[in-house]
Amino acid sequence: MQDFIFYLKLGWEHIISLDALDHQLFVLVVIAAYTIKDWRKILILVTAFTIGHSITLALSILNIIKLPSNWIEFLIPLTIVLTALGNIVMKNKKQTQNKTNYYLVLFFGLIHGLGFANTARVMIAKSQSIAVPLLGFNIGLELGQIVIVILILVLLFILLNLFKINKKDWILFVSSGVFALALKMTLERIP
């Protein structure tokens, strides 16, 4: 049980800490086009990301997949750039009906999972089963993402309902800001 709680905290900190800006930006831009009414769709998106993240994390820990860390560190912000760009281009279309979002988020989760793989590989002893660490880490990650989603949706609810901000303006503002930050990160990390 101690191992599970250790990895649960690790997963939580992986998304909640100040060092997790790339993950936080990704979650923000993924859900930017949704509202509280879309909570089921958002939960599916966040879970798709976690599933992709956990698949490559497991494959990497088992030494089935191994990519140079400089390429992973480049690809992670690139996924954020592409997601933000998709929001900007699609801002006048009903994105919440776009089923490709689920597949893209799952695929981008695969890339993001490789970002933590080197650390996880060192932390999980060769003799230790990866089931408990992966389960704990991914539950912690999922809980952290849900907290971030709730905070974003509360902010969005306030902006849309109390301040009467236009939803399309919100999408454009958030996506453009995230695009700029992620593009800077991507350019700084070119291998």
N, C-alpha and C. Protein backbone atom coordinates (compact mmCIF):
# COMPACT_ATOMS: atom_id res chain seq x y z
N MET A 1 0.82 -1.20 0.00
CA MET A 1 0.00 0.00 0.00
C MET A 1 0.86 1.26 0.00
N GLN A 2 2.02 1.19 0.68
CA GLN A 2 2.92 2.35 0.71
C GLN A 2 3.42 2.68 -0.68
N ASP A 3 3.75 1.65 -1.47
CA ASP A 3 4.20 1.89 -2.84
C ASP A 3 3.12 2.57 -3.67
N PHE A 4 1.88 2.08 -3.53
CA PHE A 4 0.77 2.66 -4.28
C PHE A 4 0.61 4.14 -3.95
N ILE A 5 0.62 4.48 -2.66
CA ILE A 5 0.45 5.87 -2.23
C ILE A 5 1.62 6.73 -2.71
N PHE A 6 2.85 6.18 -2.66
CA PHE A 6 4.02 6.91 -3.14
C PHE A 6 3.84 7.28 -4.61
N TYR A 7 3.43 6.31 -5.43
CA TYR A 7 3.28 6.56 -6.87
C TYR A 7 2.03 7.40 -7.17
N LEU A 8 1.01 7.28 -6.35
CA LEU A 8 -0.17 8.13 -6.49
C LEU A 8 0.23 9.60 -6.30
N LYS A 9 1.00 9.88 -5.25
CA LYS A 9 1.50 11.24 -5.00
C LYS A 9 2.39 11.71 -6.15
N LEU A 10 3.21 10.80 -6.64
CA LEU A 10 4.11 11.14 -7.75
C LEU A 10 3.31 11.53 -9.00
N GLY A 11 2.25 10.77 -9.30
CA GLY A 11 1.39 11.10 -10.44
C GLY A 11 0.68 12.43 -10.24
N TRP A 12 0.20 12.67 -9.03
CA TRP A 12 -0.47 13.93 -8.69
C TRP A 12 0.50 15.10 -8.90
N GLU A 13 1.71 14.97 -8.35
CA GLU A 13 2.69 16.05 -8.46
C GLU A 13 3.15 16.23 -9.91
N HIS A 14 3.12 15.16 -10.68
CA HIS A 14 3.54 15.23 -12.08
C HIS A 14 2.67 16.20 -12.88
N ILE A 15 1.43 16.37 -12.48
CA ILE A 15 0.51 17.26 -13.21
C ILE A 15 0.25 18.56 -12.45
N ILE A 16 0.33 18.55 -11.13
CA ILE A 16 -0.04 19.71 -10.33
C ILE A 16 1.15 20.64 -10.07
N SER A 17 2.36 20.14 -10.07
CA SER A 17 3.52 20.96 -9.69
C SER A 17 3.77 22.09 -10.68
N LEU A 18 4.52 23.07 -10.23
CA LEU A 18 4.87 24.20 -11.10
C LEU A 18 5.76 23.77 -12.26
N ASP A 19 6.44 22.64 -12.12
CA ASP A 19 7.28 22.12 -13.20
C ASP A 19 6.47 21.46 -14.30
N ALA A 20 5.17 21.32 -14.11
CA ALA A 20 4.31 20.60 -15.06
C ALA A 20 3.58 21.55 -16.00
N LEU A 21 4.18 22.68 -16.31
CA LEU A 21 3.51 23.67 -17.15
C LEU A 21 3.09 23.08 -18.50
N ASP A 22 3.92 22.22 -19.08
CA ASP A 22 3.57 21.65 -20.38
C ASP A 22 2.28 20.81 -20.28
N HIS A 23 2.15 20.00 -19.23
CA HIS A 23 0.93 19.21 -19.05
C HIS A 23 -0.27 20.11 -18.78
N GLN A 24 -0.09 21.11 -17.96
CA GLN A 24 -1.18 22.02 -17.63
C GLN A 24 -1.65 22.79 -18.86
N LEU A 25 -0.71 23.25 -19.67
CA LEU A 25 -1.08 23.95 -20.91
C LEU A 25 -1.82 23.02 -21.85
N PHE A 26 -1.37 21.77 -21.91
CA PHE A 26 -2.04 20.81 -22.79
C PHE A 26 -3.49 20.59 -22.35
N VAL A 27 -3.69 20.38 -21.06
CA VAL A 27 -5.05 20.17 -20.55
C VAL A 27 -5.90 21.42 -20.83
N LEU A 28 -5.34 22.60 -20.59
CA LEU A 28 -6.07 23.85 -20.83
C LEU A 28 -6.51 23.97 -22.28
N VAL A 29 -5.60 23.73 -23.20
CA VAL A 29 -5.94 23.91 -24.62
C VAL A 29 -6.85 22.79 -25.13
N VAL A 30 -6.73 21.61 -24.57
CA VAL A 30 -7.61 20.50 -24.97
C VAL A 30 -9.06 20.80 -24.61
N ILE A 31 -9.28 21.38 -23.44
CA ILE A 31 -10.67 21.60 -23.00
C ILE A 31 -11.17 23.02 -23.27
N ALA A 32 -10.37 23.86 -23.89
CA ALA A 32 -10.73 25.27 -24.11
C ALA A 32 -12.05 25.44 -24.85
N ALA A 33 -12.38 24.53 -25.73
CA ALA A 33 -13.60 24.66 -26.54
C ALA A 33 -14.84 24.08 -25.88
N TYR A 34 -14.70 23.56 -24.66
CA TYR A 34 -15.81 22.91 -23.98
C TYR A 34 -16.31 23.76 -22.82
N THR A 35 -17.49 23.44 -22.31
CA THR A 35 -18.03 24.10 -21.13
C THR A 35 -18.43 23.04 -20.11
N ILE A 36 -18.93 23.50 -18.98
CA ILE A 36 -19.33 22.59 -17.91
C ILE A 36 -20.36 21.57 -18.42
N LYS A 37 -21.22 21.98 -19.33
CA LYS A 37 -22.23 21.06 -19.87
C LYS A 37 -21.60 19.86 -20.57
N ASP A 38 -20.37 20.01 -21.02
CA ASP A 38 -19.66 18.96 -21.75
C ASP A 38 -18.79 18.10 -20.84
N TRP A 39 -19.10 18.05 -19.55
CA TRP A 39 -18.22 17.40 -18.59
C TRP A 39 -17.94 15.93 -18.94
N ARG A 40 -18.90 15.23 -19.52
CA ARG A 40 -18.66 13.82 -19.88
C ARG A 40 -17.61 13.73 -20.99
N LYS A 41 -17.76 14.59 -21.99
CA LYS A 41 -16.80 14.60 -23.10
C LYS A 41 -15.40 14.96 -22.60
N ILE A 42 -15.34 15.93 -21.68
CA ILE A 42 -14.06 16.34 -21.12
C ILE A 42 -13.43 15.19 -20.34
N LEU A 43 -14.23 14.50 -19.55
CA LEU A 43 -13.72 13.36 -18.78
C LEU A 43 -13.17 12.28 -19.71
N ILE A 44 -13.85 12.04 -20.82
CA ILE A 44 -13.36 11.06 -21.80
C ILE A 44 -12.04 11.53 -22.41
N LEU A 45 -11.95 12.82 -22.74
CA LEU A 45 -10.70 13.36 -23.30
C LEU A 45 -9.54 13.21 -22.32
N VAL A 46 -9.78 13.61 -21.08
CA VAL A 46 -8.73 13.54 -20.06
C VAL A 46 -8.31 12.08 -19.83
N THR A 47 -9.28 11.18 -19.80
CA THR A 47 -8.99 9.77 -19.60
C THR A 47 -8.25 9.19 -20.81
N ALA A 48 -8.60 9.63 -22.02
CA ALA A 48 -7.89 9.18 -23.23
C ALA A 48 -6.42 9.58 -23.14
N PHE A 49 -6.17 10.79 -22.66
CA PHE A 49 -4.79 11.24 -22.48
C PHE A 49 -4.06 10.35 -21.48
N THR A 50 -4.71 10.06 -20.35
CA THR A 50 -4.09 9.22 -19.32
C THR A 50 -3.82 7.82 -19.86
N ILE A 51 -4.73 7.29 -20.64
CA ILE A 51 -4.53 5.95 -21.22
C ILE A 51 -3.31 5.96 -22.14
N GLY A 52 -3.24 6.95 -23.02
CA GLY A 52 -2.07 7.04 -23.91
C GLY A 52 -0.79 7.20 -23.11
N HIS A 53 -0.84 8.06 -22.11
CA HIS A 53 0.31 8.32 -21.24
C HIS A 53 0.76 7.03 -20.56
N SER A 54 -0.19 6.25 -20.05
CA SER A 54 0.17 5.03 -19.31
C SER A 54 0.69 3.93 -20.24
N ILE A 55 0.18 3.87 -21.47
CA ILE A 55 0.64 2.85 -22.42
C ILE A 55 2.12 3.03 -22.72
N THR A 56 2.51 4.25 -23.10
CA THR A 56 3.93 4.44 -23.45
C THR A 56 4.81 4.43 -22.21
N LEU A 57 4.27 4.84 -21.08
CA LEU A 57 5.05 4.75 -19.85
C LEU A 57 5.37 3.29 -19.55
N ALA A 58 4.38 2.42 -19.66
CA ALA A 58 4.60 0.99 -19.43
C ALA A 58 5.56 0.40 -20.46
N LEU A 59 5.34 0.71 -21.73
CA LEU A 59 6.21 0.17 -22.78
C LEU A 59 7.65 0.65 -22.62
N SER A 60 7.81 1.86 -22.17
CA SER A 60 9.15 2.40 -21.97
C SER A 60 9.83 1.78 -20.76
N ILE A 61 9.08 1.61 -19.67
CA ILE A 61 9.65 0.98 -18.47
C ILE A 61 10.09 -0.45 -18.78
N LEU A 62 9.33 -1.13 -19.63
CA LEU A 62 9.67 -2.50 -20.03
C LEU A 62 10.72 -2.55 -21.15
N ASN A 63 11.26 -1.39 -21.50
CA ASN A 63 12.28 -1.26 -22.55
C ASN A 63 11.81 -1.75 -23.92
N ILE A 64 10.53 -1.62 -24.20
CA ILE A 64 9.99 -1.98 -25.51
C ILE A 64 10.09 -0.77 -26.45
N ILE A 65 9.89 0.41 -25.89
CA ILE A 65 10.03 1.67 -26.65
C ILE A 65 11.07 2.52 -25.94
N LYS A 66 11.96 3.09 -26.72
CA LYS A 66 12.95 3.98 -26.14
C LYS A 66 13.29 5.03 -27.18
N LEU A 67 13.04 6.28 -26.84
CA LEU A 67 13.38 7.39 -27.73
C LEU A 67 14.35 8.31 -27.00
N PRO A 68 15.21 8.99 -27.74
CA PRO A 68 16.11 9.95 -27.09
C PRO A 68 15.30 11.05 -26.38
N SER A 69 15.71 11.39 -25.18
CA SER A 69 14.95 12.35 -24.38
C SER A 69 14.87 13.73 -25.04
N ASN A 70 15.90 14.11 -25.82
CA ASN A 70 15.82 15.42 -26.47
C ASN A 70 14.69 15.47 -27.50
N TRP A 71 14.40 14.36 -28.16
CA TRP A 71 13.29 14.31 -29.11
C TRP A 71 11.94 14.33 -28.38
N ILE A 72 11.87 13.65 -27.26
CA ILE A 72 10.63 13.64 -26.48
C ILE A 72 10.34 15.04 -25.95
N GLU A 73 11.37 15.70 -25.42
CA GLU A 73 11.21 17.05 -24.89
C GLU A 73 10.84 18.05 -25.98
N PHE A 74 11.17 17.75 -27.22
CA PHE A 74 10.77 18.57 -28.36
C PHE A 74 9.32 18.26 -28.77
N LEU A 75 8.97 16.98 -28.80
CA LEU A 75 7.65 16.56 -29.27
C LEU A 75 6.52 16.97 -28.32
N ILE A 76 6.80 17.00 -27.02
CA ILE A 76 5.74 17.33 -26.05
C ILE A 76 5.17 18.73 -26.30
N PRO A 77 5.99 19.79 -26.35
CA PRO A 77 5.38 21.10 -26.63
C PRO A 77 4.83 21.20 -28.06
N LEU A 78 5.38 20.40 -28.97
CA LEU A 78 4.84 20.40 -30.33
C LEU A 78 3.40 19.90 -30.35
N THR A 79 3.07 18.92 -29.50
CA THR A 79 1.68 18.45 -29.42
C THR A 79 0.77 19.56 -28.91
N ILE A 80 1.30 20.40 -28.02
CA ILE A 80 0.52 21.51 -27.49
C ILE A 80 0.30 22.56 -28.59
N VAL A 81 1.35 22.83 -29.35
CA VAL A 81 1.25 23.78 -30.47
C VAL A 81 0.18 23.31 -31.45
N LEU A 82 0.21 22.04 -31.81
CA LEU A 82 -0.75 21.51 -32.78
C LEU A 82 -2.18 21.55 -32.25
N THR A 83 -2.36 21.26 -30.97
CA THR A 83 -3.69 21.29 -30.36
C THR A 83 -4.22 22.73 -30.33
N ALA A 84 -3.37 23.66 -29.93
CA ALA A 84 -3.77 25.07 -29.90
C ALA A 84 -4.09 25.57 -31.31
N LEU A 85 -3.27 25.21 -32.26
CA LEU A 85 -3.51 25.61 -33.65
C LEU A 85 -4.84 25.04 -34.16
N GLY A 86 -5.13 23.81 -33.79
CA GLY A 86 -6.41 23.21 -34.16
C GLY A 86 -7.58 24.00 -33.60
N ASN A 87 -7.46 24.46 -32.35
CA ASN A 87 -8.52 25.28 -31.77
C ASN A 87 -8.69 26.60 -32.50
N ILE A 88 -7.56 27.22 -32.87
CA ILE A 88 -7.61 28.51 -33.56
C ILE A 88 -8.26 28.35 -34.94
N VAL A 89 -7.86 27.33 -35.66
CA VAL A 89 -8.40 27.10 -37.00
C VAL A 89 -9.87 26.71 -36.94
N MET A 90 -10.25 25.94 -35.93
CA MET A 90 -11.62 25.41 -35.83
C MET A 90 -12.52 26.27 -34.95
N LYS A 91 -12.10 27.48 -34.58
CA LYS A 91 -12.86 28.27 -33.60
C LYS A 91 -14.29 28.57 -34.01
N ASN A 92 -14.57 28.57 -35.29
CA ASN A 92 -15.93 28.86 -35.76
C ASN A 92 -16.74 27.59 -36.02
N LYS A 93 -16.18 26.45 -35.72
CA LYS A 93 -16.88 25.19 -35.94
C LYS A 93 -17.20 24.57 -34.59
N LYS A 94 -18.15 23.68 -34.57
CA LYS A 94 -18.54 23.03 -33.32
C LYS A 94 -17.54 21.92 -32.99
N GLN A 95 -16.52 22.26 -32.21
CA GLN A 95 -15.45 21.31 -31.90
C GLN A 95 -15.90 20.18 -30.98
N THR A 96 -16.89 20.43 -30.18
CA THR A 96 -17.29 19.41 -29.21
C THR A 96 -17.83 18.17 -29.91
N GLN A 97 -18.17 18.26 -31.18
CA GLN A 97 -18.66 17.11 -31.92
C GLN A 97 -17.54 16.40 -32.68
N ASN A 98 -16.35 16.93 -32.62
CA ASN A 98 -15.24 16.41 -33.39
C ASN A 98 -14.64 15.18 -32.70
N LYS A 99 -14.99 13.99 -33.20
CA LYS A 99 -14.52 12.74 -32.59
C LYS A 99 -13.01 12.55 -32.74
N THR A 100 -12.41 13.21 -33.72
CA THR A 100 -10.96 13.07 -33.87
C THR A 100 -10.22 13.62 -32.66
N ASN A 101 -10.86 14.52 -31.89
CA ASN A 101 -10.21 15.03 -30.68
C ASN A 101 -9.79 13.89 -29.75
N TYR A 102 -10.66 12.89 -29.60
CA TYR A 102 -10.35 11.78 -28.69
C TYR A 102 -9.11 11.02 -29.17
N TYR A 103 -9.03 10.77 -30.46
CA TYR A 103 -7.89 10.04 -31.00
C TYR A 103 -6.61 10.86 -30.94
N LEU A 104 -6.72 12.15 -31.21
CA LEU A 104 -5.54 13.02 -31.12
C LEU A 104 -5.03 13.10 -29.69
N VAL A 105 -5.94 13.25 -28.74
CA VAL A 105 -5.54 13.34 -27.33
C VAL A 105 -4.90 12.03 -26.88
N LEU A 106 -5.46 10.91 -27.31
CA LEU A 106 -4.86 9.61 -27.00
C LEU A 106 -3.46 9.51 -27.58
N PHE A 107 -3.31 9.90 -28.85
CA PHE A 107 -2.00 9.85 -29.51
C PHE A 107 -1.01 10.79 -28.82
N PHE A 108 -1.46 12.01 -28.50
CA PHE A 108 -0.57 12.95 -27.83
C PHE A 108 -0.24 12.47 -26.41
N GLY A 109 -1.16 11.75 -25.78
CA GLY A 109 -0.87 11.14 -24.48
C GLY A 109 0.26 10.12 -24.58
N LEU A 110 0.29 9.41 -25.72
CA LEU A 110 1.39 8.46 -25.96
C LEU A 110 2.73 9.19 -25.94
N ILE A 111 2.79 10.35 -26.57
CA ILE A 111 4.03 11.13 -26.61
C ILE A 111 4.38 11.66 -25.23
N HIS A 112 3.39 12.21 -24.54
CA HIS A 112 3.64 12.78 -23.20
C HIS A 112 4.10 11.70 -22.22
N GLY A 113 3.61 10.48 -22.38
CA GLY A 113 4.01 9.39 -21.49
C GLY A 113 5.49 9.09 -21.56
N LEU A 114 6.07 9.32 -22.71
CA LEU A 114 7.51 9.08 -22.86
C LEU A 114 8.33 10.10 -22.08
N GLY A 115 7.73 11.25 -21.78
CA GLY A 115 8.44 12.30 -21.06
C GLY A 115 8.82 11.92 -19.64
N PHE A 116 8.04 11.08 -19.03
CA PHE A 116 8.31 10.67 -17.65
C PHE A 116 8.98 9.30 -17.58
N ALA A 117 9.13 8.67 -18.73
CA ALA A 117 9.59 7.28 -18.76
C ALA A 117 10.98 7.07 -18.18
N ASN A 118 11.91 7.97 -18.50
CA ASN A 118 13.28 7.79 -17.99
C ASN A 118 13.32 7.85 -16.47
N THR A 119 12.59 8.79 -15.90
CA THR A 119 12.52 8.90 -14.44
C THR A 119 11.87 7.65 -13.84
N ALA A 120 10.79 7.22 -14.45
CA ALA A 120 10.07 6.04 -13.93
C ALA A 120 10.93 4.79 -14.03
N ARG A 121 11.68 4.66 -15.12
CA ARG A 121 12.53 3.49 -15.31
C ARG A 121 13.56 3.39 -14.18
N VAL A 122 14.09 4.52 -13.75
CA VAL A 122 15.07 4.53 -12.67
C VAL A 122 14.40 4.22 -11.32
N MET A 123 13.18 4.74 -11.14
CA MET A 123 12.51 4.59 -9.84
C MET A 123 11.98 3.18 -9.59
N ILE A 124 11.55 2.52 -10.64
CA ILE A 124 10.95 1.19 -10.47
C ILE A 124 12.05 0.15 -10.58
N ALA A 125 12.26 -0.54 -9.49
CA ALA A 125 13.32 -1.56 -9.44
C ALA A 125 13.02 -2.68 -10.42
N LYS A 126 14.07 -3.30 -10.93
CA LYS A 126 13.91 -4.40 -11.90
C LYS A 126 13.08 -5.54 -11.33
N SER A 127 13.24 -5.81 -10.06
CA SER A 127 12.52 -6.93 -9.45
C SER A 127 11.07 -6.58 -9.11
N GLN A 128 10.75 -5.29 -9.13
CA GLN A 128 9.41 -4.85 -8.74
C GLN A 128 8.44 -4.96 -9.92
N SER A 129 7.25 -5.38 -9.63
CA SER A 129 6.20 -5.40 -10.63
C SER A 129 5.85 -3.96 -10.99
N ILE A 130 5.55 -3.72 -12.26
CA ILE A 130 5.21 -2.36 -12.65
C ILE A 130 3.73 -2.04 -12.46
N ALA A 131 2.92 -3.04 -12.12
CA ALA A 131 1.48 -2.84 -12.02
C ALA A 131 1.10 -1.81 -10.95
N VAL A 132 1.59 -1.98 -9.74
CA VAL A 132 1.23 -1.07 -8.64
C VAL A 132 1.76 0.34 -8.90
N PRO A 133 3.04 0.49 -9.29
CA PRO A 133 3.52 1.85 -9.58
C PRO A 133 2.75 2.53 -10.71
N LEU A 134 2.47 1.80 -11.79
CA LEU A 134 1.74 2.41 -12.91
C LEU A 134 0.31 2.76 -12.52
N LEU A 135 -0.34 1.88 -11.79
CA LEU A 135 -1.70 2.15 -11.36
C LEU A 135 -1.74 3.38 -10.46
N GLY A 136 -0.88 3.40 -9.47
CA GLY A 136 -0.82 4.54 -8.56
C GLY A 136 -0.50 5.83 -9.27
N PHE A 137 0.52 5.81 -10.12
CA PHE A 137 0.93 7.01 -10.85
C PHE A 137 -0.20 7.52 -11.73
N ASN A 138 -0.84 6.63 -12.48
CA ASN A 138 -1.88 7.06 -13.41
C ASN A 138 -3.16 7.52 -12.71
N ILE A 139 -3.49 6.94 -11.57
CA ILE A 139 -4.63 7.44 -10.80
C ILE A 139 -4.31 8.84 -10.27
N GLY A 140 -3.08 9.02 -9.78
CA GLY A 140 -2.66 10.35 -9.31
C GLY A 140 -2.69 11.38 -10.44
N LEU A 141 -2.22 10.97 -11.61
CA LEU A 141 -2.23 11.84 -12.78
C LEU A 141 -3.67 12.21 -13.16
N GLU A 142 -4.53 11.22 -13.19
CA GLU A 142 -5.93 11.45 -13.56
C GLU A 142 -6.61 12.38 -12.55
N LEU A 143 -6.38 12.15 -11.26
CA LEU A 143 -6.98 13.02 -10.23
C LEU A 143 -6.48 14.46 -10.37
N GLY A 144 -5.19 14.61 -10.62
CA GLY A 144 -4.63 15.95 -10.82
C GLY A 144 -5.22 16.64 -12.03
N GLN A 145 -5.38 15.89 -13.12
CA GLN A 145 -5.98 16.47 -14.33
C GLN A 145 -7.42 16.88 -14.07
N ILE A 146 -8.15 16.08 -13.33
CA ILE A 146 -9.54 16.42 -13.02
C ILE A 146 -9.61 17.69 -12.20
N VAL A 147 -8.71 17.86 -11.24
CA VAL A 147 -8.69 19.10 -10.45
C VAL A 147 -8.40 20.29 -11.35
N ILE A 148 -7.44 20.17 -12.26
CA ILE A 148 -7.13 21.25 -13.18
C ILE A 148 -8.33 21.55 -14.08
N VAL A 149 -8.98 20.53 -14.56
CA VAL A 149 -10.17 20.71 -15.41
C VAL A 149 -11.26 21.44 -14.63
N ILE A 150 -11.50 21.06 -13.40
CA ILE A 150 -12.53 21.71 -12.59
C ILE A 150 -12.20 23.19 -12.41
N LEU A 151 -10.96 23.50 -12.11
CA LEU A 151 -10.56 24.90 -11.94
C LEU A 151 -10.77 25.70 -13.22
N ILE A 152 -10.40 25.12 -14.35
CA ILE A 152 -10.57 25.80 -15.63
C ILE A 152 -12.06 26.00 -15.93
N LEU A 153 -12.86 24.98 -15.69
CA LEU A 153 -14.30 25.09 -15.98
C LEU A 153 -14.99 26.09 -15.06
N VAL A 154 -14.57 26.18 -13.82
CA VAL A 154 -15.13 27.19 -12.91
C VAL A 154 -14.77 28.59 -13.41
N LEU A 155 -13.51 28.78 -13.80
CA LEU A 155 -13.08 30.06 -14.35
C LEU A 155 -13.89 30.39 -15.62
N LEU A 156 -14.03 29.42 -16.49
CA LEU A 156 -14.78 29.63 -17.73
C LEU A 156 -16.25 29.96 -17.43
N PHE A 157 -16.85 29.25 -16.47
CA PHE A 157 -18.23 29.53 -16.09
C PHE A 157 -18.38 30.98 -15.63
N ILE A 158 -17.46 31.43 -14.80
CA ILE A 158 -17.49 32.81 -14.30
C ILE A 158 -17.34 33.80 -15.45
N LEU A 159 -16.39 33.54 -16.34
CA LEU A 159 -16.16 34.45 -17.46
C LEU A 159 -17.35 34.50 -18.41
N LEU A 160 -17.93 33.35 -18.72
CA LEU A 160 -19.04 33.30 -19.67
C LEU A 160 -20.34 33.84 -19.08
N ASN A 161 -20.61 33.53 -17.82
CA ASN A 161 -21.90 33.87 -17.24
C ASN A 161 -21.91 35.18 -16.46
N LEU A 162 -20.86 35.49 -15.75
CA LEU A 162 -20.84 36.73 -14.97
C LEU A 162 -20.28 37.90 -15.78
N PHE A 163 -19.23 37.64 -16.52
CA PHE A 163 -18.59 38.71 -17.29
C PHE A 163 -19.03 38.73 -18.75
N LYS A 164 -19.85 37.78 -19.13
CA LYS A 164 -20.43 37.70 -20.48
C LYS A 164 -19.37 37.71 -21.59
N ILE A 165 -18.26 37.03 -21.34
CA ILE A 165 -17.22 36.86 -22.35
C ILE A 165 -17.75 35.94 -23.43
N ASN A 166 -17.48 36.25 -24.68
CA ASN A 166 -17.89 35.42 -25.80
C ASN A 166 -17.05 34.15 -25.82
N LYS A 167 -17.70 33.00 -25.98
CA LYS A 167 -16.98 31.72 -25.96
C LYS A 167 -15.92 31.64 -27.06
N LYS A 168 -16.24 32.13 -28.26
CA LYS A 168 -15.25 32.10 -29.35
C LYS A 168 -14.04 32.96 -29.03
N ASP A 169 -14.28 34.09 -28.34
CA ASP A 169 -13.16 34.93 -27.91
C ASP A 169 -12.30 34.22 -26.88
N TRP A 170 -12.96 33.49 -25.96
CA TRP A 170 -12.24 32.70 -24.96
C TRP A 170 -11.34 31.67 -25.64
N ILE A 171 -11.92 30.93 -26.59
CA ILE A 171 -11.16 29.89 -27.29
C ILE A 171 -9.97 30.51 -28.01
N LEU A 172 -10.19 31.62 -28.70
CA LEU A 172 -9.11 32.28 -29.44
C LEU A 172 -8.05 32.82 -28.50
N PHE A 173 -8.46 33.45 -27.41
CA PHE A 173 -7.53 34.03 -26.44
C PHE A 173 -6.66 32.94 -25.80
N VAL A 174 -7.31 31.93 -25.26
CA VAL A 174 -6.59 30.84 -24.58
C VAL A 174 -5.69 30.10 -25.57
N SER A 175 -6.24 29.73 -26.71
CA SER A 175 -5.48 28.95 -27.69
C SER A 175 -4.29 29.74 -28.25
N SER A 176 -4.48 31.03 -28.46
CA SER A 176 -3.38 31.86 -28.98
C SER A 176 -2.27 32.00 -27.94
N GLY A 177 -2.67 32.22 -26.68
CA GLY A 177 -1.68 32.34 -25.61
C GLY A 177 -0.90 31.05 -25.41
N VAL A 178 -1.63 29.93 -25.39
CA VAL A 178 -0.97 28.62 -25.23
C VAL A 178 -0.10 28.33 -26.45
N PHE A 179 -0.59 28.67 -27.63
CA PHE A 179 0.19 28.47 -28.86
C PHE A 179 1.53 29.20 -28.76
N ALA A 180 1.50 30.46 -28.33
CA ALA A 180 2.73 31.25 -28.23
C ALA A 180 3.71 30.65 -27.23
N LEU A 181 3.21 30.28 -26.05
CA LEU A 181 4.08 29.69 -25.03
C LEU A 181 4.66 28.35 -25.49
N ALA A 182 3.81 27.52 -26.06
CA ALA A 182 4.26 26.19 -26.50
C ALA A 182 5.20 26.29 -27.69
N LEU A 183 4.96 27.24 -28.58
CA LEU A 183 5.87 27.42 -29.72
C LEU A 183 7.25 27.84 -29.23
N LYS A 184 7.29 28.71 -28.24
CA LYS A 184 8.58 29.11 -27.64
C LYS A 184 9.29 27.89 -27.06
N MET A 185 8.55 27.06 -26.31
CA MET A 185 9.15 25.85 -25.73
C MET A 185 9.65 24.92 -26.83
N THR A 186 8.85 24.77 -27.89
CA THR A 186 9.22 23.88 -28.99
C THR A 186 10.50 24.35 -29.66
N LEU A 187 10.58 25.63 -29.95
CA LEU A 187 11.76 26.18 -30.62
C LEU A 187 13.00 26.08 -29.74
N GLU A 188 12.84 26.22 -28.44
CA GLU A 188 13.97 26.10 -27.51
C GLU A 188 14.47 24.66 -27.40
N ARG A 189 13.62 23.71 -27.76
CA ARG A 189 13.97 22.29 -27.57
C ARG A 189 14.25 21.55 -28.86
N ILE A 190 14.46 22.25 -29.95
CA ILE A 190 14.74 21.57 -31.22
C ILE A 190 16.01 20.73 -31.04
N PRO A 191 15.92 19.42 -31.36
CA PRO A 191 17.10 18.55 -31.17
C PRO A 191 18.24 18.90 -32.11
